[in-house]
Amino acid sequence: MDLMLTSQTIDATPYCGPLVAPAGLWSAWNTDPVLLASLGLALAVAVLWMRRHSEPGPRNTGALAIAFGGLIIAFVSPLCAATVALFAARSVHHIVLISVVAPALAIALPLGRAAGGIGFALTAGALLLWHIPAVYGAAWNSVGVYWLLQAALLGPAWLFWSAVLQPAARAERVFMDALLVGGLAGIMGLIGAVLTFAPTGLYPQHLVGSDAFGLSLLADQQLAGLIMWVPGFVPLAALAFRIIARGWARGFAS
């Protein structure tokens, strides 16, 4: 099987493309020099900011390492190439950004706690936007739109987790945090349900890639829905219940 796959159904090469056959996926690392230089510069700026504005203890430095490790997984590792083949990989990519990179950034470099509701609304909006077929097609065909949508997802998620993960002084604030986390879990579950139960494939860009990996277009989409449900929805729902339990205990103690 040739390493590179082509099809008339793909009008343009997406950022993480071209399409790679399964046999070559694990060696398909993204070596885009602009991306690598940008990540290196961002890491240097983050470390410098931490040294000047906070005490760089093990918690902060560990969180920063996790955040940049997640960015490497999302944009440099073969996961990037996998998102060209499978829509299910795109779901994994979104979960890495929202549930790994963003909360780690919020711990290492918090943006403030006053804008949790805004962060939630923008994160939910970006998630829904990503899954509109016309918008997804635009991101597929334009590198600029692709990065704009990535920023629209990661930035608000960073803001959201900065608000939720900072200690709350009052039980009421804890309950509000739980509602925000539960709301994000609900959005994940809603998207997962739509992807799983849709009667037809919504993203024809993955027709050739899913076939190469032994899946139909609809089966790939259903797998993406299950990913949004299980590793996407369940951990967030569990975190929301944990926050509620903590707020409940704090309410009785106060």
C-alpha atoms as a PDB file:
ATOM      1  CA  MET A   1       0.000   0.000   0.000  1.00  0.00           C
ATOM      2  CA  ASP A   2       1.386   3.421  -0.895  1.00  0.00           C
ATOM      3  CA  LEU A   3       2.245   5.712   1.995  1.00  0.00           C
ATOM      4  CA  MET A   4       0.354   8.650   0.560  1.00  0.00           C
ATOM      5  CA  LEU A   5      -3.313   8.290  -0.392  1.00  0.00           C
ATOM      6  CA  THR A   6      -5.166  10.612  -2.747  1.00  0.00           C
ATOM      7  CA  SER A   7      -8.800  11.062  -3.762  1.00  0.00           C
ATOM      8  CA  GLN A   8     -10.983  13.424  -5.730  1.00  0.00           C
ATOM      9  CA  THR A   9     -13.166  13.782  -2.627  1.00  0.00           C
ATOM     10  CA  ILE A  10     -10.394  15.826  -0.952  1.00  0.00           C
ATOM     11  CA  ASP A  11     -10.351  19.315  -2.464  1.00  0.00           C
ATOM     12  CA  ALA A  12      -7.367  20.625  -0.498  1.00  0.00           C
ATOM     13  CA  THR A  13      -4.611  19.339   1.734  1.00  0.00           C
ATOM     14  CA  PRO A  14      -5.467  20.135   5.379  1.00  0.00           C
ATOM     15  CA  TYR A  15      -2.846  21.428   7.788  1.00  0.00           C
ATOM     16  CA  CYS A  16      -1.908  18.001   9.172  1.00  0.00           C
ATOM     17  CA  GLY A  17      -2.070  16.334   5.736  1.00  0.00           C
ATOM     18  CA  PRO A  18      -1.596  14.823   3.274  1.00  0.00           C
ATOM     19  CA  LEU A  19      -3.429  11.623   4.079  1.00  0.00           C
ATOM     20  CA  VAL A  20      -1.136   8.899   5.412  1.00  0.00           C
ATOM     21  CA  ALA A  21      -1.787   5.181   5.100  1.00  0.00           C
ATOM     22  CA  PRO A  22      -2.083   3.152   8.327  1.00  0.00           C
ATOM     23  CA  ALA A  23       1.352   1.567   7.846  1.00  0.00           C
ATOM     24  CA  GLY A  24       3.035   4.964   7.847  1.00  0.00           C
ATOM     25  CA  LEU A  25       1.010   6.685  10.533  1.00  0.00           C
ATOM     26  CA  TRP A  26       3.374   6.142  13.468  1.00  0.00           C
ATOM     27  CA  SER A  27       6.229   7.832  11.621  1.00  0.00           C
ATOM     28  CA  ALA A  28       4.094  10.763  10.454  1.00  0.00           C
ATOM     29  CA  TRP A  29       5.365  13.413  12.868  1.00  0.00           C
ATOM     30  CA  ASN A  30       4.670  17.052  12.057  1.00  0.00           C
ATOM     31  CA  THR A  31       7.986  18.861  11.592  1.00  0.00           C
ATOM     32  CA  ASP A  32       6.546  22.194  10.473  1.00  0.00           C
ATOM     33  CA  PRO A  33       9.363  24.632  11.425  1.00  0.00           C
ATOM     34  CA  VAL A  34       6.947  27.499  12.082  1.00  0.00           C
ATOM     35  CA  LEU A  35       4.945  25.346  14.503  1.00  0.00           C
ATOM     36  CA  LEU A  36       8.027  24.026  16.304  1.00  0.00           C
ATOM     37  CA  ALA A  37       9.535  27.503  16.599  1.00  0.00           C
ATOM     38  CA  SER A  38       6.222  28.882  17.883  1.00  0.00           C
ATOM     39  CA  LEU A  39       5.953  26.168  20.529  1.00  0.00           C
ATOM     40  CA  GLY A  40       9.536  26.757  21.618  1.00  0.00           C
ATOM     41  CA  LEU A  41       9.008  30.507  21.849  1.00  0.00           C
ATOM     42  CA  ALA A  42       5.739  30.065  23.743  1.00  0.00           C
ATOM     43  CA  LEU A  43       7.430  27.732  26.236  1.00  0.00           C
ATOM     44  CA  ALA A  44      10.281  30.195  26.787  1.00  0.00           C
ATOM     45  CA  VAL A  45       7.835  33.059  27.357  1.00  0.00           C
ATOM     46  CA  ALA A  46       5.759  30.924  29.755  1.00  0.00           C
ATOM     47  CA  VAL A  47       8.803  29.940  31.823  1.00  0.00           C
ATOM     48  CA  LEU A  48      10.000  33.553  31.957  1.00  0.00           C
ATOM     49  CA  TRP A  49       6.536  34.765  32.987  1.00  0.00           C
ATOM     50  CA  MET A  50       6.344  32.160  35.754  1.00  0.00           C
ATOM     51  CA  ARG A  51       9.726  33.172  37.127  1.00  0.00           C
ATOM     52  CA  ARG A  52       8.785  36.834  37.221  1.00  0.00           C
ATOM     53  CA  HIS A  53       5.183  36.640  38.443  1.00  0.00           C
ATOM     54  CA  SER A  54       4.888  33.489  40.562  1.00  0.00           C
ATOM     55  CA  GLU A  55       6.859  30.939  42.515  1.00  0.00           C
ATOM     56  CA  PRO A  56       7.737  28.175  40.005  1.00  0.00           C
ATOM     57  CA  GLY A  57       7.115  25.241  42.338  1.00  0.00           C
ATOM     58  CA  PRO A  58       6.767  21.589  41.334  1.00  0.00           C
ATOM     59  CA  ARG A  59       2.998  21.946  40.848  1.00  0.00           C
ATOM     60  CA  ASN A  60       3.315  24.810  38.383  1.00  0.00           C
ATOM     61  CA  THR A  61       6.305  23.471  36.490  1.00  0.00           C
ATOM     62  CA  GLY A  62       4.730  20.018  36.275  1.00  0.00           C
ATOM     63  CA  ALA A  63       1.486  21.501  34.954  1.00  0.00           C
ATOM     64  CA  LEU A  64       3.412  23.525  32.373  1.00  0.00           C
ATOM     65  CA  ALA A  65       5.217  20.382  31.241  1.00  0.00           C
ATOM     66  CA  ILE A  66       1.904  18.553  30.881  1.00  0.00           C
ATOM     67  CA  ALA A  67       0.429  21.464  28.913  1.00  0.00           C
ATOM     68  CA  PHE A  68       3.260  21.584  26.392  1.00  0.00           C
ATOM     69  CA  GLY A  69       3.419  17.812  26.255  1.00  0.00           C
ATOM     70  CA  GLY A  70      -0.265  17.873  25.332  1.00  0.00           C
ATOM     71  CA  LEU A  71       0.382  20.465  22.630  1.00  0.00           C
ATOM     72  CA  ILE A  72       3.099  18.256  21.172  1.00  0.00           C
ATOM     73  CA  ILE A  73       0.726  15.278  21.189  1.00  0.00           C
ATOM     74  CA  ALA A  74      -2.013  17.340  19.542  1.00  0.00           C
ATOM     75  CA  PHE A  75      -0.010  19.093  16.834  1.00  0.00           C
ATOM     76  CA  VAL A  76       3.373  17.360  16.417  1.00  0.00           C
ATOM     77  CA  SER A  77       2.790  13.669  17.125  1.00  0.00           C
ATOM     78  CA  PRO A  78       1.100  11.262  14.661  1.00  0.00           C
ATOM     79  CA  LEU A  79      -2.240  12.249  16.206  1.00  0.00           C
ATOM     80  CA  CYS A  80      -2.106  15.312  13.958  1.00  0.00           C
ATOM     81  CA  ALA A  81      -1.802  13.122  10.864  1.00  0.00           C
ATOM     82  CA  ALA A  82      -4.496  10.788  12.216  1.00  0.00           C
ATOM     83  CA  THR A  83      -6.989  13.674  12.284  1.00  0.00           C
ATOM     84  CA  VAL A  84      -6.715  13.821   8.495  1.00  0.00           C
ATOM     85  CA  ALA A  85      -7.725  10.179   8.173  1.00  0.00           C
ATOM     86  CA  LEU A  86     -10.291   9.737  10.936  1.00  0.00           C
ATOM     87  CA  PHE A  87     -12.875  12.047  12.416  1.00  0.00           C
ATOM     88  CA  ALA A  88     -12.561   9.934  15.570  1.00  0.00           C
ATOM     89  CA  ALA A  89      -8.973  11.178  15.876  1.00  0.00           C
ATOM     90  CA  ARG A  90     -10.326  14.724  15.639  1.00  0.00           C
ATOM     91  CA  SER A  91     -12.453  14.017  18.716  1.00  0.00           C
ATOM     92  CA  VAL A  92      -9.378  12.783  20.578  1.00  0.00           C
ATOM     93  CA  HIS A  93      -7.568  15.940  19.479  1.00  0.00           C
ATOM     94  CA  HIS A  94     -10.326  18.150  20.920  1.00  0.00           C
ATOM     95  CA  ILE A  95     -10.348  16.248  24.208  1.00  0.00           C
ATOM     96  CA  VAL A  96      -6.566  16.615  24.549  1.00  0.00           C
ATOM     97  CA  LEU A  97      -6.886  20.380  24.131  1.00  0.00           C
ATOM     98  CA  ILE A  98      -9.922  20.868  26.393  1.00  0.00           C
ATOM     99  CA  SER A  99      -9.302  18.277  29.110  1.00  0.00           C
ATOM    100  CA  VAL A 100      -5.478  18.103  29.251  1.00  0.00           C
ATOM    101  CA  VAL A 101      -3.781  21.172  27.795  1.00  0.00           C
ATOM    102  CA  ALA A 102      -6.262  23.833  28.951  1.00  0.00           C
ATOM    103  CA  PRO A 103      -6.524  22.749  32.625  1.00  0.00           C
ATOM    104  CA  ALA A 104      -2.743  22.289  32.820  1.00  0.00           C
ATOM    105  CA  LEU A 105      -2.248  25.813  31.484  1.00  0.00           C
ATOM    106  CA  ALA A 106      -4.827  27.051  33.988  1.00  0.00           C
ATOM    107  CA  ILE A 107      -2.811  25.569  36.855  1.00  0.00           C
ATOM    108  CA  ALA A 108       0.556  26.803  35.585  1.00  0.00           C
ATOM    109  CA  LEU A 109      -0.565  30.178  34.209  1.00  0.00           C
ATOM    110  CA  PRO A 110      -4.078  31.022  35.495  1.00  0.00           C
ATOM    111  CA  LEU A 111      -5.950  33.757  33.640  1.00  0.00           C
ATOM    112  CA  GLY A 112      -8.274  34.719  36.525  1.00  0.00           C
ATOM    113  CA  ARG A 113     -11.466  33.387  38.074  1.00  0.00           C
ATOM    114  CA  ALA A 114     -14.038  36.082  37.277  1.00  0.00           C
ATOM    115  CA  ALA A 115     -14.758  34.996  33.709  1.00  0.00           C
ATOM    116  CA  GLY A 116     -15.745  31.344  34.161  1.00  0.00           C
ATOM    117  CA  GLY A 117     -19.156  31.836  32.577  1.00  0.00           C
ATOM    118  CA  ILE A 118     -17.642  33.624  29.591  1.00  0.00           C
ATOM    119  CA  GLY A 119     -15.032  30.910  29.226  1.00  0.00           C
ATOM    120  CA  PHE A 120     -17.724  28.241  29.320  1.00  0.00           C
ATOM    121  CA  ALA A 121     -19.907  29.978  26.724  1.00  0.00           C
ATOM    122  CA  LEU A 122     -17.003  30.528  24.344  1.00  0.00           C
ATOM    123  CA  THR A 123     -15.665  26.981  24.784  1.00  0.00           C
ATOM    124  CA  ALA A 124     -19.093  25.456  24.192  1.00  0.00           C
ATOM    125  CA  GLY A 125     -19.594  27.709  21.182  1.00  0.00           C
ATOM    126  CA  ALA A 126     -16.231  26.740  19.698  1.00  0.00           C
ATOM    127  CA  LEU A 127     -16.965  23.032  20.190  1.00  0.00           C
ATOM    128  CA  LEU A 128     -20.321  23.341  18.468  1.00  0.00           C
ATOM    129  CA  LEU A 129     -18.783  25.435  15.699  1.00  0.00           C
ATOM    130  CA  TRP A 130     -16.121  22.809  15.024  1.00  0.00           C
ATOM    131  CA  HIS A 131     -18.843  20.212  14.425  1.00  0.00           C
ATOM    132  CA  ILE A 132     -20.871  22.202  11.894  1.00  0.00           C
ATOM    133  CA  PRO A 133     -20.021  20.427   8.616  1.00  0.00           C
ATOM    134  CA  ALA A 134     -19.604  23.661   6.609  1.00  0.00           C
ATOM    135  CA  VAL A 135     -17.278  25.141   9.229  1.00  0.00           C
ATOM    136  CA  TYR A 136     -15.345  21.892   9.460  1.00  0.00           C
ATOM    137  CA  GLY A 137     -14.925  21.949   5.695  1.00  0.00           C
ATOM    138  CA  ALA A 138     -13.611  25.509   5.879  1.00  0.00           C
ATOM    139  CA  ALA A 139     -11.007  24.471   8.476  1.00  0.00           C
ATOM    140  CA  TRP A 140     -10.064  21.520   6.281  1.00  0.00           C
ATOM    141  CA  ASN A 141      -9.487  23.731   3.249  1.00  0.00           C
ATOM    142  CA  SER A 142      -7.826  26.709   4.945  1.00  0.00           C
ATOM    143  CA  VAL A 143      -4.827  26.682   7.282  1.00  0.00           C
ATOM    144  CA  GLY A 144      -5.854  30.110   8.552  1.00  0.00           C
ATOM    145  CA  VAL A 145      -9.359  28.960   9.479  1.00  0.00           C
ATOM    146  CA  TYR A 146      -7.895  25.802  11.033  1.00  0.00           C
ATOM    147  CA  TRP A 147      -5.662  27.753  13.422  1.00  0.00           C
ATOM    148  CA  LEU A 148      -8.373  30.316  14.117  1.00  0.00           C
ATOM    149  CA  LEU A 149     -10.700  27.536  15.261  1.00  0.00           C
ATOM    150  CA  GLN A 150      -7.936  25.898  17.321  1.00  0.00           C
ATOM    151  CA  ALA A 151      -7.325  29.198  19.109  1.00  0.00           C
ATOM    152  CA  ALA A 152     -11.087  29.687  19.557  1.00  0.00           C
ATOM    153  CA  LEU A 153     -11.191  26.318  21.336  1.00  0.00           C
ATOM    154  CA  LEU A 154      -8.026  26.430  23.449  1.00  0.00           C
ATOM    155  CA  GLY A 155      -8.125  30.062  24.574  1.00  0.00           C
ATOM    156  CA  PRO A 156     -11.623  30.010  26.104  1.00  0.00           C
ATOM    157  CA  ALA A 157     -10.997  26.549  27.591  1.00  0.00           C
ATOM    158  CA  TRP A 158      -7.907  27.975  29.298  1.00  0.00           C
ATOM    159  CA  LEU A 159     -10.035  30.827  30.640  1.00  0.00           C
ATOM    160  CA  PHE A 160     -12.753  28.397  31.744  1.00  0.00           C
ATOM    161  CA  TRP A 161     -10.410  26.112  33.670  1.00  0.00           C
ATOM    162  CA  SER A 162      -8.583  29.093  35.193  1.00  0.00           C
ATOM    163  CA  ALA A 163     -11.855  30.062  36.845  1.00  0.00           C
ATOM    164  CA  VAL A 164     -12.939  26.556  37.840  1.00  0.00           C
ATOM    165  CA  LEU A 165      -9.630  25.272  39.231  1.00  0.00           C
ATOM    166  CA  GLN A 166      -8.815  28.227  41.458  1.00  0.00           C
ATOM    167  CA  PRO A 167      -9.862  27.726  45.090  1.00  0.00           C
ATOM    168  CA  ALA A 168     -13.283  29.164  45.849  1.00  0.00           C
ATOM    169  CA  ALA A 169     -13.880  30.970  49.122  1.00  0.00           C
ATOM    170  CA  ARG A 170     -17.612  30.273  49.350  1.00  0.00           C
ATOM    171  CA  ALA A 171     -19.730  27.178  48.868  1.00  0.00           C
ATOM    172  CA  GLU A 172     -21.939  29.064  46.396  1.00  0.00           C
ATOM    173  CA  ARG A 173     -18.930  29.629  44.157  1.00  0.00           C
ATOM    174  CA  VAL A 174     -18.079  25.925  44.329  1.00  0.00           C
ATOM    175  CA  PHE A 175     -21.591  24.992  43.212  1.00  0.00           C
ATOM    176  CA  MET A 176     -21.339  27.447  40.303  1.00  0.00           C
ATOM    177  CA  ASP A 177     -18.058  25.839  39.257  1.00  0.00           C
ATOM    178  CA  ALA A 178     -19.763  22.441  39.345  1.00  0.00           C
ATOM    179  CA  LEU A 179     -22.576  23.739  37.143  1.00  0.00           C
ATOM    180  CA  LEU A 180     -20.056  25.057  34.615  1.00  0.00           C
ATOM    181  CA  VAL A 181     -18.156  21.777  34.490  1.00  0.00           C
ATOM    182  CA  GLY A 182     -21.417  19.840  34.267  1.00  0.00           C
ATOM    183  CA  GLY A 183     -22.542  22.127  31.463  1.00  0.00           C
ATOM    184  CA  LEU A 184     -19.360  21.447  29.501  1.00  0.00           C
ATOM    185  CA  ALA A 185     -19.858  17.726  30.064  1.00  0.00           C
ATOM    186  CA  GLY A 186     -23.404  18.130  28.749  1.00  0.00           C
ATOM    187  CA  ILE A 187     -22.130  19.799  25.582  1.00  0.00           C
ATOM    188  CA  MET A 188     -19.697  16.916  25.081  1.00  0.00           C
ATOM    189  CA  GLY A 189     -22.528  14.434  25.581  1.00  0.00           C
ATOM    190  CA  LEU A 190     -24.833  16.292  23.192  1.00  0.00           C
ATOM    191  CA  ILE A 191     -22.216  16.343  20.441  1.00  0.00           C
ATOM    192  CA  GLY A 192     -21.452  12.680  21.105  1.00  0.00           C
ATOM    193  CA  ALA A 193     -25.140  11.788  20.766  1.00  0.00           C
ATOM    194  CA  VAL A 194     -25.498  13.666  17.482  1.00  0.00           C
ATOM    195  CA  LEU A 195     -22.392  12.015  16.034  1.00  0.00           C
ATOM    196  CA  THR A 196     -23.421   8.557  17.222  1.00  0.00           C
ATOM    197  CA  PHE A 197     -27.047   8.597  16.119  1.00  0.00           C
ATOM    198  CA  ALA A 198     -26.841  10.660  12.925  1.00  0.00           C
ATOM    199  CA  PRO A 199     -28.210   8.505  10.075  1.00  0.00           C
ATOM    200  CA  THR A 200     -25.477   9.497   7.648  1.00  0.00           C
ATOM    201  CA  GLY A 201     -21.870  10.619   7.609  1.00  0.00           C
ATOM    202  CA  LEU A 202     -21.545  14.374   8.047  1.00  0.00           C
ATOM    203  CA  TYR A 203     -17.878  14.825   7.161  1.00  0.00           C
ATOM    204  CA  PRO A 204     -17.065  13.486   3.676  1.00  0.00           C
ATOM    205  CA  GLN A 205     -13.484  14.727   4.026  1.00  0.00           C
ATOM    206  CA  HIS A 206     -12.806  11.491   5.933  1.00  0.00           C
ATOM    207  CA  LEU A 207     -14.333   9.126   3.383  1.00  0.00           C
ATOM    208  CA  VAL A 208     -11.009   7.879   1.986  1.00  0.00           C
ATOM    209  CA  GLY A 209      -9.195   7.932   5.318  1.00  0.00           C
ATOM    210  CA  SER A 210     -11.811   5.933   7.177  1.00  0.00           C
ATOM    211  CA  ASP A 211     -11.891   3.391   4.362  1.00  0.00           C
ATOM    212  CA  ALA A 212      -8.111   3.037   4.557  1.00  0.00           C
ATOM    213  CA  PHE A 213      -8.433   2.227   8.265  1.00  0.00           C
ATOM    214  CA  GLY A 214     -11.183  -0.329   7.646  1.00  0.00           C
ATOM    215  CA  LEU A 215     -14.112   1.820   8.718  1.00  0.00           C
ATOM    216  CA  SER A 216     -17.052   3.263   6.888  1.00  0.00           C
ATOM    217  CA  LEU A 217     -17.565   7.012   7.031  1.00  0.00           C
ATOM    218  CA  LEU A 218     -20.526   6.523   9.364  1.00  0.00           C
ATOM    219  CA  ALA A 219     -18.675   4.051  11.617  1.00  0.00           C
ATOM    220  CA  ASP A 220     -15.793   6.524  12.000  1.00  0.00           C
ATOM    221  CA  GLN A 221     -18.289   9.224  12.963  1.00  0.00           C
ATOM    222  CA  GLN A 222     -20.013   6.918  15.458  1.00  0.00           C
ATOM    223  CA  LEU A 223     -16.634   6.101  17.014  1.00  0.00           C
ATOM    224  CA  ALA A 224     -16.007   9.841  17.337  1.00  0.00           C
ATOM    225  CA  GLY A 225     -19.335  10.147  19.141  1.00  0.00           C
ATOM    226  CA  LEU A 226     -18.425   7.394  21.590  1.00  0.00           C
ATOM    227  CA  ILE A 227     -15.105   9.113  22.265  1.00  0.00           C
ATOM    228  CA  MET A 228     -16.920  12.358  23.041  1.00  0.00           C
ATOM    229  CA  TRP A 229     -19.194  10.417  25.385  1.00  0.00           C
ATOM    230  CA  VAL A 230     -16.732   8.240  27.301  1.00  0.00           C
ATOM    231  CA  PRO A 231     -13.334   9.984  27.635  1.00  0.00           C
ATOM    232  CA  GLY A 232     -14.989  13.346  26.944  1.00  0.00           C
ATOM    233  CA  PHE A 233     -18.230  13.384  28.944  1.00  0.00           C
ATOM    234  CA  VAL A 234     -17.618  10.909  31.786  1.00  0.00           C
ATOM    235  CA  PRO A 235     -14.497  12.499  33.411  1.00  0.00           C
ATOM    236  CA  LEU A 236     -16.069  15.965  33.314  1.00  0.00           C
ATOM    237  CA  ALA A 237     -19.315  14.672  34.798  1.00  0.00           C
ATOM    238  CA  ALA A 238     -17.342  12.906  37.555  1.00  0.00           C
ATOM    239  CA  LEU A 239     -15.427  16.121  38.266  1.00  0.00           C
ATOM    240  CA  ALA A 240     -18.689  18.072  38.480  1.00  0.00           C
ATOM    241  CA  PHE A 241     -20.077  15.605  41.046  1.00  0.00           C
ATOM    242  CA  ARG A 242     -16.843  15.824  43.035  1.00  0.00           C
ATOM    243  CA  ILE A 243     -17.025  19.615  43.074  1.00  0.00           C
ATOM    244  CA  ILE A 244     -20.663  19.432  44.187  1.00  0.00           C
ATOM    245  CA  ALA A 245     -19.743  17.063  47.030  1.00  0.00           C
ATOM    246  CA  ARG A 246     -16.985  19.406  48.126  1.00  0.00           C
ATOM    247  CA  GLY A 247     -19.327  22.395  48.013  1.00  0.00           C
ATOM    248  CA  TRP A 248     -22.003  20.483  49.903  1.00  0.00           C
ATOM    249  CA  ALA A 249     -19.548  19.622  52.669  1.00  0.00           C
ATOM    250  CA  ARG A 250     -18.287  23.181  52.786  1.00  0.00           C
ATOM    251  CA  GLY A 251     -21.838  24.486  52.985  1.00  0.00           C
ATOM    252  CA  PHE A 252     -22.625  22.352  56.033  1.00  0.00           C
ATOM    253  CA  ALA A 253     -19.302  23.238  57.640  1.00  0.00           C
ATOM    254  CA  SER A 254     -19.824  27.017  57.281  1.00  0.00           C
END
